C-alpha atoms as a PDB file:
ATOM      1  CA  MET A   1      23.293 -18.053  12.636  1.00  0.00           C
ATOM      2  CA  THR A   2      26.139 -16.404  14.213  1.00  0.00           C
ATOM      3  CA  LEU A   3      27.051 -12.884  12.520  1.00  0.00           C
ATOM      4  CA  PRO A   4      30.480 -11.565  12.185  1.00  0.00           C
ATOM      5  CA  GLU A   5      31.372  -8.068  13.097  1.00  0.00           C
ATOM      6  CA  PRO A   6      31.691  -5.784   9.909  1.00  0.00           C
ATOM      7  CA  THR A   7      34.757  -4.311   9.033  1.00  0.00           C
ATOM      8  CA  ARG A   8      35.170  -0.594   8.975  1.00  0.00           C
ATOM      9  CA  ARG A   9      34.920  -0.495   5.197  1.00  0.00           C
ATOM     10  CA  GLU A  10      31.794  -2.644   5.560  1.00  0.00           C
ATOM     11  CA  ARG A  11      30.538  -0.159   8.098  1.00  0.00           C
ATOM     12  CA  LYS A  12      31.079   2.520   5.715  1.00  0.00           C
ATOM     13  CA  LYS A  13      29.723   1.134   2.964  1.00  0.00           C
ATOM     14  CA  GLU A  14      26.596   0.458   4.909  1.00  0.00           C
ATOM     15  CA  GLU A  15      26.208   4.012   5.922  1.00  0.00           C
ATOM     16  CA  THR A  16      26.499   5.084   2.434  1.00  0.00           C
ATOM     17  CA  ARG A  17      23.946   2.948   1.430  1.00  0.00           C
ATOM     18  CA  ARG A  18      21.495   3.372   4.337  1.00  0.00           C
ATOM     19  CA  ARG A  19      22.024   7.573   3.600  1.00  0.00           C
ATOM     20  CA  ILE A  20      20.899   7.196  -0.056  1.00  0.00           C
ATOM     21  CA  PHE A  21      17.948   4.981   0.918  1.00  0.00           C
ATOM     22  CA  THR A  22      16.866   7.457   3.467  1.00  0.00           C
ATOM     23  CA  ALA A  23      17.132  10.265   1.221  1.00  0.00           C
ATOM     24  CA  ALA A  24      15.170   8.342  -1.453  1.00  0.00           C
ATOM     25  CA  ILE A  25      12.309   7.658   0.671  1.00  0.00           C
ATOM     26  CA  SER A  26      12.045  10.967   2.100  1.00  0.00           C
ATOM     27  CA  LEU A  27      11.678  12.460  -1.639  1.00  0.00           C
ATOM     28  CA  PHE A  28       9.018   9.514  -2.283  1.00  0.00           C
ATOM     29  CA  ARG A  29       7.158  10.523   0.478  1.00  0.00           C
ATOM     30  CA  GLU A  30       7.211  13.946  -0.437  1.00  0.00           C
ATOM     31  CA  LYS A  31       6.994  13.976  -4.301  1.00  0.00           C
ATOM     32  CA  GLY A  32       5.823  10.585  -5.092  1.00  0.00           C
ATOM     33  CA  PHE A  33       7.961   7.543  -6.397  1.00  0.00           C
ATOM     34  CA  GLU A  34       7.428   8.423  -9.849  1.00  0.00           C
ATOM     35  CA  HIS A  35       8.172  12.097  -9.690  1.00  0.00           C
ATOM     36  CA  THR A  36      11.291  11.534  -7.915  1.00  0.00           C
ATOM     37  CA  THR A  37      14.724  11.337  -9.893  1.00  0.00           C
ATOM     38  CA  VAL A  38      17.910   9.661  -9.222  1.00  0.00           C
ATOM     39  CA  ASP A  39      19.254  13.338  -9.758  1.00  0.00           C
ATOM     40  CA  GLU A  40      17.189  14.400  -6.570  1.00  0.00           C
ATOM     41  CA  ILE A  41      18.074  11.398  -4.673  1.00  0.00           C
ATOM     42  CA  THR A  42      21.859  11.961  -5.148  1.00  0.00           C
ATOM     43  CA  GLU A  43      21.799  15.426  -4.303  1.00  0.00           C
ATOM     44  CA  LYS A  44      19.809  14.985  -1.105  1.00  0.00           C
ATOM     45  CA  ALA A  45      21.935  12.260  -0.226  1.00  0.00           C
ATOM     46  CA  ASP A  46      25.097  14.030  -1.095  1.00  0.00           C
ATOM     47  CA  VAL A  47      26.605  11.483  -3.414  1.00  0.00           C
ATOM     48  CA  GLY A  48      27.477  11.043  -6.862  1.00  0.00           C
ATOM     49  CA  ARG A  49      25.244   9.128  -9.490  1.00  0.00           C
ATOM     50  CA  GLY A  50      27.970   6.666  -9.861  1.00  0.00           C
ATOM     51  CA  THR A  51      27.760   5.919  -6.029  1.00  0.00           C
ATOM     52  CA  PHE A  52      23.850   5.464  -6.350  1.00  0.00           C
ATOM     53  CA  PHE A  53      24.076   2.978  -9.063  1.00  0.00           C
ATOM     54  CA  ASN A  54      26.843   1.261  -7.295  1.00  0.00           C
ATOM     55  CA  TYR A  55      24.156   0.456  -4.510  1.00  0.00           C
ATOM     56  CA  PHE A  56      20.895   0.411  -6.196  1.00  0.00           C
ATOM     57  CA  PRO A  57      21.003  -0.577 -10.015  1.00  0.00           C
ATOM     58  CA  ARG A  58      17.839   1.109 -10.352  1.00  0.00           C
ATOM     59  CA  LYS A  59      15.550   3.541  -8.566  1.00  0.00           C
ATOM     60  CA  GLU A  60      13.034   0.531  -7.828  1.00  0.00           C
ATOM     61  CA  SER A  61      15.861  -1.251  -6.022  1.00  0.00           C
ATOM     62  CA  VAL A  62      15.554   1.317  -3.268  1.00  0.00           C
ATOM     63  CA  LEU A  63      12.392  -0.151  -2.155  1.00  0.00           C
ATOM     64  CA  ALA A  64      13.914  -3.532  -1.857  1.00  0.00           C
ATOM     65  CA  PHE A  65      16.545  -2.282   0.456  1.00  0.00           C
ATOM     66  CA  LEU A  66      14.689  -3.984   3.521  1.00  0.00           C
ATOM     67  CA  SER A  67      14.776  -7.449   1.900  1.00  0.00           C
ATOM     68  CA  GLU A  68      18.026  -6.754   0.218  1.00  0.00           C
ATOM     69  CA  GLU A  69      20.086  -6.015   3.523  1.00  0.00           C
ATOM     70  CA  ARG A  70      18.974  -9.027   5.310  1.00  0.00           C
ATOM     71  CA  LEU A  71      19.671 -11.110   2.198  1.00  0.00           C
ATOM     72  CA  GLU A  72      23.033 -10.434   2.095  1.00  0.00           C
ATOM     73  CA  VAL A  73      23.856 -11.508   5.705  1.00  0.00           C
ATOM     74  CA  ALA A  74      21.754 -14.632   5.049  1.00  0.00           C
ATOM     75  CA  GLU A  75      23.723 -15.427   2.401  1.00  0.00           C
ATOM     76  CA  GLU A  76      26.995 -14.838   3.551  1.00  0.00           C
ATOM     77  CA  ASN A  77      26.065 -17.058   6.557  1.00  0.00           C
ATOM     78  CA  GLY A  78      24.160 -19.771   4.596  1.00  0.00           C
ATOM     79  CA  GLN A  79      26.743 -22.271   4.298  1.00  0.00           C
ATOM     80  CA  LEU A  80      27.537 -22.083   8.154  1.00  0.00           C
ATOM     81  CA  LEU A  81      23.731 -22.385   8.811  1.00  0.00           C
ATOM     82  CA  LEU A  82      23.651 -25.439   6.485  1.00  0.00           C
ATOM     83  CA  ALA A  83      26.669 -27.079   8.147  1.00  0.00           C
ATOM     84  CA  GLU A  84      24.988 -26.612  11.690  1.00  0.00           C
ATOM     85  CA  ALA A  85      23.734 -29.991  13.213  1.00  0.00           C
ATOM     86  CA  ARG A  86      20.381 -28.865  14.418  1.00  0.00           C
ATOM     87  CA  PRO A  87      16.942 -29.412  13.124  1.00  0.00           C
ATOM     88  CA  VAL A  88      15.948 -27.972   9.466  1.00  0.00           C
ATOM     89  CA  ARG A  89      12.660 -27.018  11.182  1.00  0.00           C
ATOM     90  CA  ASP A  90      14.728 -24.486  13.563  1.00  0.00           C
ATOM     91  CA  LYS A  91      16.890 -23.380  10.494  1.00  0.00           C
ATOM     92  CA  LEU A  92      14.003 -22.352   8.334  1.00  0.00           C
ATOM     93  CA  ILE A  93      11.933 -20.503  11.216  1.00  0.00           C
ATOM     94  CA  GLU A  94      15.338 -18.791  11.805  1.00  0.00           C
ATOM     95  CA  VAL A  95      15.624 -17.644   8.090  1.00  0.00           C
ATOM     96  CA  TYR A  96      11.842 -16.227   7.997  1.00  0.00           C
ATOM     97  CA  ALA A  97      12.062 -14.791  11.493  1.00  0.00           C
ATOM     98  CA  PHE A  98      15.495 -13.158  10.388  1.00  0.00           C
ATOM     99  CA  ALA A  99      14.003 -11.490   7.374  1.00  0.00           C
ATOM    100  CA  SER A 100      10.919 -10.221   9.140  1.00  0.00           C
ATOM    101  CA  ALA A 101      12.836  -8.427  12.080  1.00  0.00           C
ATOM    102  CA  ALA A 102      14.152  -5.862   9.563  1.00  0.00           C
ATOM    103  CA  TYR A 103      10.609  -4.573   9.151  1.00  0.00           C
ATOM    104  CA  THR A 104      10.097  -4.095  12.872  1.00  0.00           C
ATOM    105  CA  GLU A 105      12.965  -1.305  13.204  1.00  0.00           C
ATOM    106  CA  ASP A 106      10.616   1.280  11.513  1.00  0.00           C
ATOM    107  CA  ARG A 107       6.963  -0.066  11.113  1.00  0.00           C
ATOM    108  CA  GLU A 108       5.833   3.104   9.212  1.00  0.00           C
ATOM    109  CA  LEU A 109       8.908   3.224   6.889  1.00  0.00           C
ATOM    110  CA  SER A 110       8.053  -0.467   6.456  1.00  0.00           C
ATOM    111  CA  ARG A 111       4.075   0.073   5.636  1.00  0.00           C
ATOM    112  CA  PHE A 112       5.405   3.016   2.906  1.00  0.00           C
ATOM    113  CA  VAL A 113       7.777   1.063   1.276  1.00  0.00           C
ATOM    114  CA  PHE A 114       5.230  -2.362   1.247  1.00  0.00           C
ATOM    115  CA  ASN A 115       2.474  -0.009  -0.051  1.00  0.00           C
ATOM    116  CA  GLU A 116       4.763   0.980  -2.870  1.00  0.00           C
ATOM    117  CA  TRP A 117       5.516  -2.484  -4.026  1.00  0.00           C
ATOM    118  CA  MET A 118       1.844  -3.320  -3.868  1.00  0.00           C
ATOM    119  CA  GLN A 119       0.880  -0.442  -6.084  1.00  0.00           C
ATOM    120  CA  ARG A 120       3.644  -0.784  -8.623  1.00  0.00           C
ATOM    121  CA  SER A 121       3.178  -4.306  -9.299  1.00  0.00           C
ATOM    122  CA  PHE A 122       6.686  -5.216  -7.989  1.00  0.00           C
ATOM    123  CA  ALA A 123       6.979  -7.089  -4.678  1.00  0.00           C
ATOM    124  CA  PRO A 124      10.323  -7.305  -2.703  1.00  0.00           C
ATOM    125  CA  THR A 125      10.735 -10.615  -4.557  1.00  0.00           C
ATOM    126  CA  GLU A 126      11.461  -9.145  -7.717  1.00  0.00           C
ATOM    127  CA  GLU A 127      15.129  -8.213  -7.060  1.00  0.00           C
ATOM    128  CA  THR A 128      16.016 -10.957  -4.542  1.00  0.00           C
ATOM    129  CA  GLY A 129      13.172 -13.748  -4.589  1.00  0.00           C
ATOM    130  CA  GLY A 130      15.483 -15.736  -6.694  1.00  0.00           C
ATOM    131  CA  ARG A 131      18.369 -15.591  -4.088  1.00  0.00           C
ATOM    132  CA  TRP A 132      15.918 -16.088  -1.189  1.00  0.00           C
ATOM    133  CA  GLU A 133      14.311 -19.129  -2.997  1.00  0.00           C
ATOM    134  CA  THR A 134      17.877 -20.457  -3.701  1.00  0.00           C
ATOM    135  CA  LEU A 135      18.978 -20.236  -0.009  1.00  0.00           C
ATOM    136  CA  LEU A 136      15.572 -21.538   1.111  1.00  0.00           C
ATOM    137  CA  LEU A 137      15.542 -24.352  -1.260  1.00  0.00           C
ATOM    138  CA  LYS A 138      18.914 -25.645  -0.218  1.00  0.00           C
ATOM    139  CA  ILE A 139      17.815 -26.090   3.787  1.00  0.00           C
ATOM    140  CA  ILE A 140      14.458 -27.701   2.518  1.00  0.00           C
ATOM    141  CA  ALA A 141      16.721 -30.047   0.130  1.00  0.00           C
ATOM    142  CA  GLN A 142      18.645 -30.747   3.488  1.00  0.00           C
ATOM    143  CA  GLY A 143      15.496 -31.777   5.275  1.00  0.00           C
ATOM    144  CA  GLN A 144      14.095 -33.948   2.700  1.00  0.00           C
ATOM    145  CA  SER A 145      17.445 -35.737   2.085  1.00  0.00           C
ATOM    146  CA  ASN A 146      17.801 -36.370   5.948  1.00  0.00           C
ATOM    147  CA  GLY A 147      14.171 -37.522   6.508  1.00  0.00           C
ATOM    148  CA  GLU A 148      12.865 -34.572   8.265  1.00  0.00           C
ATOM    149  CA  LEU A 149      10.689 -33.394   5.448  1.00  0.00           C
ATOM    150  CA  ARG A 150       8.244 -34.969   3.130  1.00  0.00           C
ATOM    151  CA  SER A 151       9.969 -36.583   0.292  1.00  0.00           C
ATOM    152  CA  ASP A 152       6.315 -36.591  -1.779  1.00  0.00           C
ATOM    153  CA  VAL A 153       5.964 -32.855  -1.971  1.00  0.00           C
ATOM    154  CA  ALA A 154       8.317 -30.863  -4.229  1.00  0.00           C
ATOM    155  CA  ALA A 155      10.818 -28.543  -2.714  1.00  0.00           C
ATOM    156  CA  ASP A 156       9.713 -25.561  -4.771  1.00  0.00           C
ATOM    157  CA  ARG A 157       6.470 -26.148  -3.452  1.00  0.00           C
ATOM    158  CA  MET A 158       7.269 -26.335   0.111  1.00  0.00           C
ATOM    159  CA  GLU A 159       8.907 -23.243  -0.305  1.00  0.00           C
ATOM    160  CA  SER A 160       6.098 -21.371  -2.139  1.00  0.00           C
ATOM    161  CA  VAL A 161       3.733 -22.504   0.563  1.00  0.00           C
ATOM    162  CA  LEU A 162       6.199 -21.194   3.401  1.00  0.00           C
ATOM    163  CA  SER A 163       6.825 -18.018   1.626  1.00  0.00           C
ATOM    164  CA  SER A 164       3.285 -17.145   1.062  1.00  0.00           C
ATOM    165  CA  VAL A 165       2.684 -17.633   4.846  1.00  0.00           C
ATOM    166  CA  TYR A 166       5.188 -15.302   5.557  1.00  0.00           C
ATOM    167  CA  MET A 167       4.115 -12.645   3.323  1.00  0.00           C
ATOM    168  CA  SER A 168       0.781 -12.893   4.590  1.00  0.00           C
ATOM    169  CA  THR A 169       1.950 -12.559   8.095  1.00  0.00           C
ATOM    170  CA  LEU A 170       4.104  -9.477   7.166  1.00  0.00           C
ATOM    171  CA  TYR A 171       1.071  -7.748   5.118  1.00  0.00           C
ATOM    172  CA  PHE A 172      -1.309  -8.158   7.961  1.00  0.00           C
ATOM    173  CA  TRP A 173       1.093  -6.912  10.608  1.00  0.00           C
ATOM    174  CA  LEU A 174       2.002  -3.623   8.323  1.00  0.00           C
ATOM    175  CA  CYS A 175      -1.626  -2.935   6.991  1.00  0.00           C
ATOM    176  CA  CYS A 176      -4.355  -4.383   8.498  1.00  0.00           C
ATOM    177  CA  PRO A 177      -3.542  -6.121  12.136  1.00  0.00           C
ATOM    178  CA  LEU A 178      -6.979  -6.093  13.305  1.00  0.00           C
ATOM    179  CA  GLY A 179      -8.170  -8.536  10.298  1.00  0.00           C
ATOM    180  CA  MET A 180      -6.058 -11.284  11.910  1.00  0.00           C
ATOM    181  CA  PRO A 181      -7.792 -14.065  13.555  1.00  0.00           C
ATOM    182  CA  GLU A 182      -6.448 -13.082  16.818  1.00  0.00           C
ATOM    183  CA  GLY A 183      -8.241  -9.656  16.351  1.00  0.00           C
ATOM    184  CA  SER A 184      -5.538  -7.023  17.487  1.00  0.00           C
ATOM    185  CA  ASP A 185      -2.056  -5.970  17.076  1.00  0.00           C
ATOM    186  CA  PHE A 186       0.620  -8.966  17.225  1.00  0.00           C
ATOM    187  CA  ALA A 187       4.476  -9.241  17.404  1.00  0.00           C
ATOM    188  CA  LEU A 188       5.484  -9.825  13.982  1.00  0.00           C
ATOM    189  CA  VAL A 189       8.439 -12.195  14.655  1.00  0.00           C
ATOM    190  CA  ASP A 190       6.804 -14.158  17.076  1.00  0.00           C
ATOM    191  CA  GLU A 191       3.881 -14.630  14.913  1.00  0.00           C
ATOM    192  CA  VAL A 192       6.254 -15.693  11.847  1.00  0.00           C
ATOM    193  CA  LYS A 193       7.995 -18.157  14.128  1.00  0.00           C
ATOM    194  CA  ALA A 194       4.657 -19.660  15.000  1.00  0.00           C
ATOM    195  CA  ARG A 195       3.070 -19.588  11.614  1.00  0.00           C
ATOM    196  CA  ILE A 196       6.182 -21.440   9.640  1.00  0.00           C
ATOM    197  CA  GLY A 197       6.354 -23.713  12.628  1.00  0.00           C
ATOM    198  CA  LEU A 198       2.943 -24.823  12.017  1.00  0.00           C
ATOM    199  CA  VAL A 199       3.532 -25.254   8.222  1.00  0.00           C
ATOM    200  CA  ILE A 200       6.830 -26.879   8.717  1.00  0.00           C
ATOM    201  CA  ASP A 201       4.890 -29.488  11.129  1.00  0.00           C
ATOM    202  CA  GLY A 202       2.504 -29.992   8.440  1.00  0.00           C
ATOM    203  CA  LEU A 203       5.533 -31.108   5.830  1.00  0.00           C
ATOM    204  CA  GLY A 204       7.182 -33.063   8.178  1.00  0.00           C
ATOM    205  CA  ALA A 205       8.138 -36.787   7.091  1.00  0.00           C
ATOM    206  CA  ARG A 206       5.711 -38.571   9.546  1.00  0.00           C
ATOM    207  CA  ASN A 207       2.955 -36.976   7.273  1.00  0.00           C
ATOM    208  CA  GLU A 208       4.201 -38.377   3.876  1.00  0.00           C
ATOM    209  CA  VAL A 209       1.445 -39.883   1.840  1.00  0.00           C
ATOM    210  CA  THR A 210       2.200 -43.287   0.907  1.00  0.00           C
ATOM    211  CA  PRO A 211       0.346 -44.838  -2.239  1.00  0.00           C
END
């Protein structure tokens, strides 16, 4: 996936959104999510309320930022990815690896955000899941139509299995790496690639069950 260089306007928007995100997370850590108000976030980030809501429709949306920023780039490049003449296996691995890379930039911050998701019963997929699913289903459908993936398994079931493996790998890396079968810490992106690859191999057309 070849990423275009951001324009000056895009860089400024990204800087503003990240400043709001950083201010909000700092307050969440200090005061707790429930006791932090939007007004406090905007004051700390030195932006207006309107600016906050331009970037985050509600306070919970701040916690989806790590997924959202990667999703936007993936969506922008989705058509290019679909048009590339290479195996669907590689495309799916690339999408999941790209998503996981965001969490490695600041592991402690990612752990905090992930724990907030779990405690408040809304996962990163609450805000972005439908759009992630749409992108992944397009790639899976391409694999089924060209004979790379099994046609006897529904595309949405394939996506669900792949995403479950991805989320469980992310959970173990963030929260309890010693609980992994490897028994020690591990490189998240490499492990995501390996595990997603294993699942896709099992969903290959050669494994299709015929009546």
